[in-house]
């Protein structure tokens, strides 16, 4: 079982996939002082918005602070560089 400090604040990057959503749900169960969730939507896959919606819905249900960064796919498609770099 994951154990987090009750009086601590956490900043957690969440992709919307099963692993990061599990980690987030376990963190929420520990009821820490504050959680800030960060999600980056690279718009790399046609269904990338679905991951963002999963994170948004979870954060809304649990009254969590959410910061979302949406990347314009034209930025990295035009330049042939690694968009995660």
N, C-alpha and C. Protein backbone atom coordinates (compact mmCIF):
# COMPACT_ATOMS: atom_id res chain seq x y z
N UNK A 1 0.83 -1.19 0.00
CA UNK A 1 0.00 0.00 0.00
C UNK A 1 0.88 1.24 0.00
N UNK A 2 0.51 2.20 -0.78
CA UNK A 2 1.22 3.47 -0.82
C UNK A 2 0.86 4.28 0.42
N UNK A 3 1.85 4.92 1.01
CA UNK A 3 1.58 5.78 2.16
C UNK A 3 2.14 7.16 1.88
N UNK A 4 1.28 8.13 2.03
CA UNK A 4 1.64 9.52 1.83
C UNK A 4 1.40 10.27 3.13
N UNK A 5 2.10 11.38 3.31
CA UNK A 5 1.92 12.17 4.51
C UNK A 5 0.65 13.00 4.47
N UNK A 6 -0.12 12.98 5.55
CA UNK A 6 -1.38 13.70 5.63
C UNK A 6 -1.20 15.20 5.52
N UNK A 7 -0.17 15.75 6.11
CA UNK A 7 0.03 17.20 6.13
C UNK A 7 0.82 17.71 4.94
N UNK A 8 1.11 16.84 4.01
CA UNK A 8 1.92 17.24 2.86
C UNK A 8 1.06 17.72 1.70
N UNK A 9 1.74 18.44 0.82
CA UNK A 9 1.12 18.88 -0.44
C UNK A 9 1.81 18.11 -1.56
N UNK A 10 1.03 17.76 -2.59
CA UNK A 10 1.56 16.97 -3.68
C UNK A 10 1.25 17.61 -5.03
N UNK A 11 2.24 17.57 -5.92
CA UNK A 11 2.08 17.95 -7.31
C UNK A 11 2.31 16.66 -8.08
N UNK A 12 1.30 16.24 -8.86
CA UNK A 12 1.38 14.95 -9.52
C UNK A 12 1.02 15.08 -10.99
N UNK A 13 1.89 14.52 -11.84
CA UNK A 13 1.64 14.49 -13.27
C UNK A 13 0.80 13.27 -13.60
N UNK A 14 -0.31 13.49 -14.28
CA UNK A 14 -1.26 12.40 -14.56
C UNK A 14 -1.56 12.38 -16.06
N UNK A 15 -1.35 11.21 -16.67
CA UNK A 15 -1.57 11.08 -18.12
C UNK A 15 -3.01 10.74 -18.46
N UNK A 16 -3.72 10.14 -17.52
CA UNK A 16 -5.06 9.65 -17.81
C UNK A 16 -5.08 8.15 -18.05
N UNK A 17 -3.91 7.55 -18.16
CA UNK A 17 -3.80 6.10 -18.32
C UNK A 17 -4.03 5.39 -16.99
N UNK A 18 -4.16 4.07 -17.04
CA UNK A 18 -4.50 3.32 -15.82
C UNK A 18 -3.47 3.45 -14.70
N UNK A 19 -2.19 3.48 -15.02
CA UNK A 19 -1.17 3.56 -13.96
C UNK A 19 -1.23 4.89 -13.21
N UNK A 20 -1.29 5.98 -13.95
CA UNK A 20 -1.29 7.28 -13.27
C UNK A 20 -2.62 7.54 -12.58
N UNK A 21 -3.71 7.03 -13.12
CA UNK A 21 -5.00 7.20 -12.45
C UNK A 21 -5.06 6.38 -11.17
N UNK A 22 -4.43 5.21 -11.16
CA UNK A 22 -4.35 4.41 -9.94
C UNK A 22 -3.55 5.15 -8.88
N UNK A 23 -2.41 5.69 -9.27
CA UNK A 23 -1.58 6.44 -8.33
C UNK A 23 -2.35 7.62 -7.76
N UNK A 24 -3.04 8.35 -8.61
CA UNK A 24 -3.83 9.49 -8.15
C UNK A 24 -4.94 9.06 -7.20
N UNK A 25 -5.64 7.98 -7.52
CA UNK A 25 -6.74 7.53 -6.65
C UNK A 25 -6.20 7.06 -5.30
N UNK A 26 -5.04 6.43 -5.28
CA UNK A 26 -4.45 6.02 -4.00
C UNK A 26 -4.02 7.24 -3.19
N UNK A 27 -3.50 8.24 -3.85
CA UNK A 27 -3.11 9.47 -3.16
C UNK A 27 -4.33 10.15 -2.55
N UNK A 28 -5.43 10.22 -3.30
CA UNK A 28 -6.66 10.84 -2.80
C UNK A 28 -7.17 10.13 -1.56
N UNK A 29 -7.06 8.81 -1.52
CA UNK A 29 -7.51 8.03 -0.36
C UNK A 29 -6.76 8.41 0.91
N UNK A 30 -5.53 8.88 0.77
CA UNK A 30 -4.72 9.26 1.94
C UNK A 30 -5.11 10.63 2.49
N UNK A 31 -5.92 11.37 1.74
CA UNK A 31 -6.42 12.68 2.15
C UNK A 31 -5.31 13.64 2.59
N UNK A 32 -4.35 13.89 1.71
CA UNK A 32 -3.31 14.86 2.07
C UNK A 32 -3.88 16.27 2.10
N UNK A 33 -3.09 17.17 2.59
CA UNK A 33 -3.49 18.56 2.74
C UNK A 33 -3.91 19.17 1.40
N UNK A 34 -3.13 18.93 0.34
CA UNK A 34 -3.44 19.51 -0.96
C UNK A 34 -2.83 18.65 -2.07
N UNK A 35 -3.57 18.52 -3.16
CA UNK A 35 -3.08 17.84 -4.35
C UNK A 35 -3.29 18.77 -5.53
N UNK A 36 -2.25 18.97 -6.32
CA UNK A 36 -2.36 19.70 -7.58
C UNK A 36 -2.03 18.68 -8.67
N UNK A 37 -2.97 18.50 -9.59
CA UNK A 37 -2.82 17.54 -10.67
C UNK A 37 -2.44 18.29 -11.94
N UNK A 38 -1.43 17.77 -12.66
CA UNK A 38 -0.99 18.37 -13.92
C UNK A 38 -1.16 17.36 -15.05
N UNK A 39 -1.71 17.82 -16.15
CA UNK A 39 -1.91 16.97 -17.32
C UNK A 39 -1.46 17.72 -18.56
N UNK A 40 -0.68 17.04 -19.42
CA UNK A 40 -0.26 17.62 -20.70
C UNK A 40 -0.94 16.83 -21.81
N UNK A 41 -1.72 17.52 -22.61
CA UNK A 41 -2.36 16.90 -23.77
C UNK A 41 -1.53 17.30 -24.99
N UNK A 42 -0.76 16.33 -25.49
CA UNK A 42 0.11 16.59 -26.63
C UNK A 42 -0.65 16.55 -27.96
N UNK A 43 -1.91 16.13 -27.92
CA UNK A 43 -2.69 15.99 -29.15
C UNK A 43 -1.97 15.14 -30.18
N UNK A 44 -1.23 14.16 -29.71
CA UNK A 44 -0.46 13.31 -30.61
C UNK A 44 -1.32 12.19 -31.21
N UNK A 45 -2.23 11.67 -30.41
CA UNK A 45 -3.16 10.64 -30.88
C UNK A 45 -4.53 11.28 -31.12
N UNK A 46 -5.30 10.67 -31.98
CA UNK A 46 -6.63 11.21 -32.29
C UNK A 46 -7.54 11.18 -31.06
N UNK A 47 -7.26 10.29 -30.10
CA UNK A 47 -8.10 10.18 -28.91
C UNK A 47 -7.45 10.80 -27.67
N UNK A 48 -6.45 11.65 -27.85
CA UNK A 48 -5.77 12.27 -26.71
C UNK A 48 -6.74 13.05 -25.81
N UNK A 49 -7.76 13.62 -26.39
CA UNK A 49 -8.73 14.39 -25.61
C UNK A 49 -9.45 13.51 -24.60
N UNK A 50 -9.58 12.21 -24.90
CA UNK A 50 -10.24 11.29 -23.96
C UNK A 50 -9.45 11.18 -22.66
N UNK A 51 -8.12 11.12 -22.76
CA UNK A 51 -7.30 11.08 -21.55
C UNK A 51 -7.48 12.35 -20.73
N UNK A 52 -7.51 13.48 -21.41
CA UNK A 52 -7.71 14.74 -20.70
C UNK A 52 -9.06 14.75 -19.99
N UNK A 53 -10.09 14.27 -20.65
CA UNK A 53 -11.43 14.24 -20.04
C UNK A 53 -11.48 13.32 -18.83
N UNK A 54 -10.77 12.20 -18.89
CA UNK A 54 -10.72 11.28 -17.74
C UNK A 54 -10.13 11.99 -16.54
N UNK A 55 -9.02 12.70 -16.75
CA UNK A 55 -8.36 13.43 -15.66
C UNK A 55 -9.27 14.55 -15.15
N UNK A 56 -9.87 15.30 -16.06
CA UNK A 56 -10.76 16.40 -15.66
C UNK A 56 -11.94 15.89 -14.82
N UNK A 57 -12.56 14.81 -15.26
CA UNK A 57 -13.71 14.27 -14.53
C UNK A 57 -13.32 13.80 -13.14
N UNK A 58 -12.19 13.10 -13.04
CA UNK A 58 -11.73 12.62 -11.73
C UNK A 58 -11.46 13.80 -10.81
N UNK A 59 -10.77 14.82 -11.32
CA UNK A 59 -10.45 15.99 -10.49
C UNK A 59 -11.72 16.73 -10.07
N UNK A 60 -12.69 16.84 -10.96
CA UNK A 60 -13.96 17.48 -10.60
C UNK A 60 -14.68 16.69 -9.51
N UNK A 61 -14.70 15.37 -9.63
CA UNK A 61 -15.38 14.52 -8.65
C UNK A 61 -14.74 14.60 -7.28
N UNK A 62 -13.43 14.82 -7.25
CA UNK A 62 -12.70 14.82 -5.98
C UNK A 62 -12.25 16.22 -5.54
N UNK A 63 -12.76 17.24 -6.23
CA UNK A 63 -12.47 18.64 -5.88
C UNK A 63 -10.96 18.90 -5.81
N UNK A 64 -10.25 18.48 -6.86
CA UNK A 64 -8.81 18.65 -6.92
C UNK A 64 -8.45 19.80 -7.86
N UNK A 65 -7.36 20.46 -7.55
CA UNK A 65 -6.83 21.50 -8.43
C UNK A 65 -6.23 20.81 -9.64
N UNK A 66 -6.56 21.29 -10.83
CA UNK A 66 -6.05 20.71 -12.07
C UNK A 66 -5.47 21.79 -12.96
N UNK A 67 -4.26 21.54 -13.44
CA UNK A 67 -3.61 22.41 -14.42
C UNK A 67 -3.42 21.59 -15.69
N UNK A 68 -3.93 22.08 -16.82
CA UNK A 68 -3.84 21.37 -18.10
C UNK A 68 -3.06 22.22 -19.09
N UNK A 69 -2.12 21.60 -19.76
CA UNK A 69 -1.37 22.25 -20.84
C UNK A 69 -1.74 21.52 -22.12
N UNK A 70 -2.30 22.22 -23.09
CA UNK A 70 -2.66 21.63 -24.37
C UNK A 70 -1.66 22.11 -25.42
N UNK A 71 -1.01 21.16 -26.06
CA UNK A 71 0.00 21.47 -27.06
C UNK A 71 -0.65 21.46 -28.45
N UNK A 72 -0.36 22.48 -29.22
CA UNK A 72 -0.81 22.53 -30.60
C UNK A 72 0.04 21.54 -31.40
N UNK A 73 -0.56 20.51 -31.97
CA UNK A 73 0.24 19.50 -32.68
C UNK A 73 0.98 20.04 -33.90
N UNK A 74 0.56 21.17 -34.43
CA UNK A 74 1.26 21.75 -35.58
C UNK A 74 2.68 22.17 -35.22
N UNK A 75 2.91 22.47 -33.96
CA UNK A 75 4.24 22.90 -33.52
C UNK A 75 5.27 21.82 -33.77
N UNK A 76 4.97 20.59 -33.38
CA UNK A 76 5.96 19.54 -33.55
C UNK A 76 5.81 18.77 -34.85
N UNK A 77 4.66 18.80 -35.47
CA UNK A 77 4.51 18.12 -36.75
C UNK A 77 5.30 18.83 -37.85
N UNK A 78 5.36 20.12 -37.79
CA UNK A 78 6.05 20.90 -38.83
C UNK A 78 7.57 20.85 -38.68
N UNK A 79 8.07 20.58 -37.50
CA UNK A 79 9.51 20.71 -37.27
C UNK A 79 10.25 19.38 -37.12
N UNK A 80 9.54 18.25 -37.09
CA UNK A 80 10.17 16.92 -37.00
C UNK A 80 11.06 16.75 -35.78
N UNK A 81 10.70 17.33 -34.64
CA UNK A 81 11.48 17.08 -33.42
C UNK A 81 10.64 16.28 -32.44
N UNK A 82 11.32 15.76 -31.44
CA UNK A 82 10.67 14.95 -30.42
C UNK A 82 9.80 15.86 -29.56
N UNK A 83 8.48 15.71 -29.67
CA UNK A 83 7.57 16.62 -28.97
C UNK A 83 7.65 16.51 -27.45
N UNK A 84 8.12 15.39 -26.92
CA UNK A 84 8.24 15.25 -25.47
C UNK A 84 9.54 15.85 -24.95
N UNK A 85 10.48 16.11 -25.84
CA UNK A 85 11.75 16.73 -25.42
C UNK A 85 11.51 18.18 -25.10
